[in-house]
Amino acid sequence: MDYGVQAETLAILSAWRHELANELQVIAGYLQLGRPGAALERALDAGTRFHRLDRLFSLKTSGLAMAFLAERSHARAHGVAIEFEIGSDLAGVTPESEPVLAAALANLLRAAALRVSGSDSPVFSLVVAEDSAGYHFRLSNAEADMGIVWPRVTP
């Protein structure tokens, strides 16, 4: 059993729980101030963000899902928000190539987070898609056109 991985997983889940608790406190604050419209708007926005994040749990590559969550938590600790637009379950990524791809994507996300930190809009998205050529990981709103195409392995 790898206790380092378990500790990292617990830290990620704790950060996610904290983020959800903060959203609920803001919504409750709006309701207490008699601003139900603002509360509804915030709840809908939070719901959309959490739904996008929840798509990570549909990935067939648990190592990539954990890498995405770890980088998201790391970026949030530095004031940067990473959103995910998942359009593929990555089922064709082989277990052998998953650690290499995870490391490449972690480097891509860290570089993008460095670019936007301290900017007026420290937010960017990782868009995950697939086509016949392979899997596409493209950054959106990261002040640079960056991405990775991972070739599809055919048996």
Protein backbone atom coordinates (compact mmCIF):
# COMPACT_ATOMS: atom_id res chain seq x y z
CA MET A 1 0.00 0.00 0.00
CA ASP A 2 1.37 3.41 -1.01
CA TYR A 3 0.70 5.75 1.92
CA GLY A 4 2.12 8.72 0.01
CA VAL A 5 -0.58 8.33 -2.64
CA GLN A 6 -3.24 7.91 0.04
CA ALA A 7 -2.07 11.07 1.85
CA GLU A 8 -2.15 13.02 -1.42
CA THR A 9 -5.63 11.70 -2.17
CA LEU A 10 -6.87 12.75 1.26
CA ALA A 11 -5.35 16.22 0.81
CA ILE A 12 -7.10 16.61 -2.55
CA LEU A 13 -10.43 15.44 -1.16
CA SER A 14 -10.05 17.73 1.84
CA ALA A 15 -9.42 20.71 -0.45
CA TRP A 16 -12.48 19.81 -2.51
CA ARG A 17 -14.60 19.51 0.64
CA HIS A 18 -13.30 22.88 1.81
CA GLU A 19 -14.17 24.47 -1.54
CA LEU A 20 -17.69 23.07 -1.41
CA ALA A 21 -18.16 24.26 2.19
CA ASN A 22 -17.02 27.75 1.16
CA GLU A 23 -19.53 27.84 -1.69
CA LEU A 24 -22.33 26.81 0.67
CA GLN A 25 -21.31 29.53 3.15
CA VAL A 26 -21.41 32.19 0.42
CA ILE A 27 -24.84 30.99 -0.72
CA ALA A 28 -26.10 30.99 2.88
CA GLY A 29 -24.71 34.51 3.32
CA TYR A 30 -26.63 35.77 0.30
CA LEU A 31 -29.81 34.20 1.66
CA GLN A 32 -29.27 35.76 5.08
CA LEU A 33 -28.82 39.16 3.40
CA GLY A 34 -32.14 38.71 1.61
CA ARG A 35 -30.54 38.30 -1.81
CA PRO A 36 -32.07 35.06 -3.14
CA GLY A 37 -31.24 36.00 -6.77
CA ALA A 38 -27.53 36.25 -5.96
CA ALA A 39 -27.73 33.00 -4.00
CA LEU A 40 -29.36 31.21 -6.94
CA GLU A 41 -26.82 32.60 -9.39
CA ARG A 42 -23.93 31.49 -7.18
CA ALA A 43 -25.50 28.04 -6.65
CA LEU A 44 -25.97 27.54 -10.40
CA ASP A 45 -22.40 28.66 -11.10
CA ALA A 46 -21.01 26.37 -8.40
CA GLY A 47 -23.13 23.50 -9.70
CA THR A 48 -21.71 23.95 -13.19
CA ARG A 49 -18.13 24.06 -11.90
CA PHE A 50 -18.61 21.00 -9.69
CA HIS A 51 -20.29 19.09 -12.54
CA ARG A 52 -17.25 19.77 -14.74
CA LEU A 53 -14.96 18.63 -11.95
CA ASP A 54 -17.10 15.56 -11.36
CA ARG A 55 -16.44 14.48 -14.96
CA LEU A 56 -12.90 13.64 -13.83
CA PHE A 57 -14.35 10.65 -12.00
CA SER A 58 -15.59 9.20 -15.30
CA LEU A 59 -12.06 8.92 -16.67
CA LYS A 60 -10.86 5.37 -17.26
CA THR A 61 -7.38 6.43 -16.19
CA SER A 62 -7.39 6.97 -12.46
CA GLY A 63 -3.78 8.16 -12.48
CA LEU A 64 -4.63 11.01 -14.85
CA ALA A 65 -7.70 11.93 -12.82
CA MET A 66 -5.57 12.13 -9.68
CA ALA A 67 -2.88 14.14 -11.50
CA PHE A 68 -5.53 16.63 -12.67
CA LEU A 69 -6.96 16.95 -9.16
CA ALA A 70 -3.50 17.33 -7.63
CA GLU A 71 -2.54 20.08 -10.08
CA ARG A 72 -5.88 21.81 -9.53
CA SER A 73 -5.31 21.82 -5.76
CA HIS A 74 -1.73 23.06 -6.21
CA ALA A 75 -2.89 25.89 -8.49
CA ARG A 76 -5.73 26.90 -6.12
CA ALA A 77 -3.21 27.22 -3.31
CA HIS A 78 -1.46 29.82 -5.49
CA GLY A 79 -4.62 31.73 -6.41
CA VAL A 80 -5.15 30.12 -9.81
CA ALA A 81 -8.32 28.30 -10.85
CA ILE A 82 -8.14 25.41 -13.31
CA GLU A 83 -11.40 24.24 -14.85
CA PHE A 84 -11.78 21.01 -16.79
CA GLU A 85 -13.84 20.38 -19.90
CA ILE A 86 -13.74 16.62 -20.27
CA GLY A 87 -14.91 15.31 -23.64
CA SER A 88 -13.31 11.87 -23.50
CA ASP A 89 -13.01 9.10 -20.94
CA LEU A 90 -9.41 8.40 -22.13
CA ALA A 91 -10.17 4.68 -22.27
CA GLY A 92 -7.48 4.08 -24.91
CA VAL A 93 -4.57 5.44 -22.85
CA THR A 94 -2.47 2.41 -21.98
CA PRO A 95 -1.48 1.77 -18.36
CA GLU A 96 2.17 1.82 -19.43
CA SER A 97 1.92 5.30 -20.96
CA GLU A 98 -0.30 6.81 -18.28
CA PRO A 99 2.54 7.94 -15.92
CA VAL A 100 4.41 9.63 -18.79
CA LEU A 101 1.26 11.40 -20.00
CA ALA A 102 0.36 12.40 -16.42
CA ALA A 103 3.81 13.95 -15.94
CA ALA A 104 3.59 15.82 -19.25
CA LEU A 105 0.14 17.17 -18.41
CA ALA A 106 1.24 18.16 -14.89
CA ASN A 107 4.10 20.17 -16.43
CA LEU A 108 1.70 21.77 -18.92
CA LEU A 109 -0.74 22.76 -16.17
CA ARG A 110 2.02 24.12 -13.93
CA ALA A 111 3.45 26.21 -16.75
CA ALA A 112 0.00 27.63 -17.51
CA ALA A 113 -0.65 28.34 -13.84
CA LEU A 114 2.64 30.26 -13.64
CA ARG A 115 1.65 32.32 -16.70
CA VAL A 116 -1.72 33.39 -15.30
CA SER A 117 -0.84 33.77 -11.62
CA GLY A 118 -0.99 37.39 -10.63
CA SER A 119 -2.94 38.32 -13.76
CA ASP A 120 -6.33 40.01 -13.79
CA SER A 121 -7.96 36.66 -14.57
CA PRO A 122 -6.04 33.78 -12.96
CA VAL A 123 -8.34 31.15 -14.49
CA PHE A 124 -7.83 28.73 -17.35
CA SER A 125 -9.35 25.52 -18.66
CA LEU A 126 -7.94 22.20 -19.74
CA VAL A 127 -10.05 20.91 -22.63
CA VAL A 128 -9.80 17.15 -23.15
CA ALA A 129 -11.05 15.72 -26.45
CA GLU A 130 -10.36 12.83 -28.75
CA ASP A 131 -10.48 12.07 -32.45
CA SER A 132 -9.01 9.47 -34.79
CA ALA A 133 -5.51 10.94 -34.31
CA GLY A 134 -5.56 10.60 -30.56
CA TYR A 135 -6.28 12.52 -27.39
CA HIS A 136 -6.07 16.30 -27.36
CA PHE A 137 -5.27 18.26 -24.20
CA ARG A 138 -5.60 21.97 -24.95
CA LEU A 139 -5.38 24.93 -22.63
CA SER A 140 -7.92 27.70 -22.96
CA ASN A 141 -7.45 31.22 -21.53
CA ALA A 142 -3.89 30.50 -20.43
CA GLU A 143 -2.29 33.51 -22.16
CA ALA A 144 -0.61 31.10 -24.56
CA ASP A 145 -1.64 28.48 -27.05
CA MET A 146 -0.41 25.32 -25.39
CA GLY A 147 -1.44 21.72 -25.60
CA ILE A 148 -0.51 18.11 -26.07
CA VAL A 149 -1.74 15.55 -28.59
CA TRP A 150 -1.30 12.00 -27.35
CA PRO A 151 -1.46 9.45 -30.18
CA ARG A 152 -4.05 6.73 -30.02
CA VAL A 153 -2.49 3.29 -29.72
CA THR A 154 -4.14 0.73 -31.97
CA PRO A 155 -3.76 -2.96 -31.23
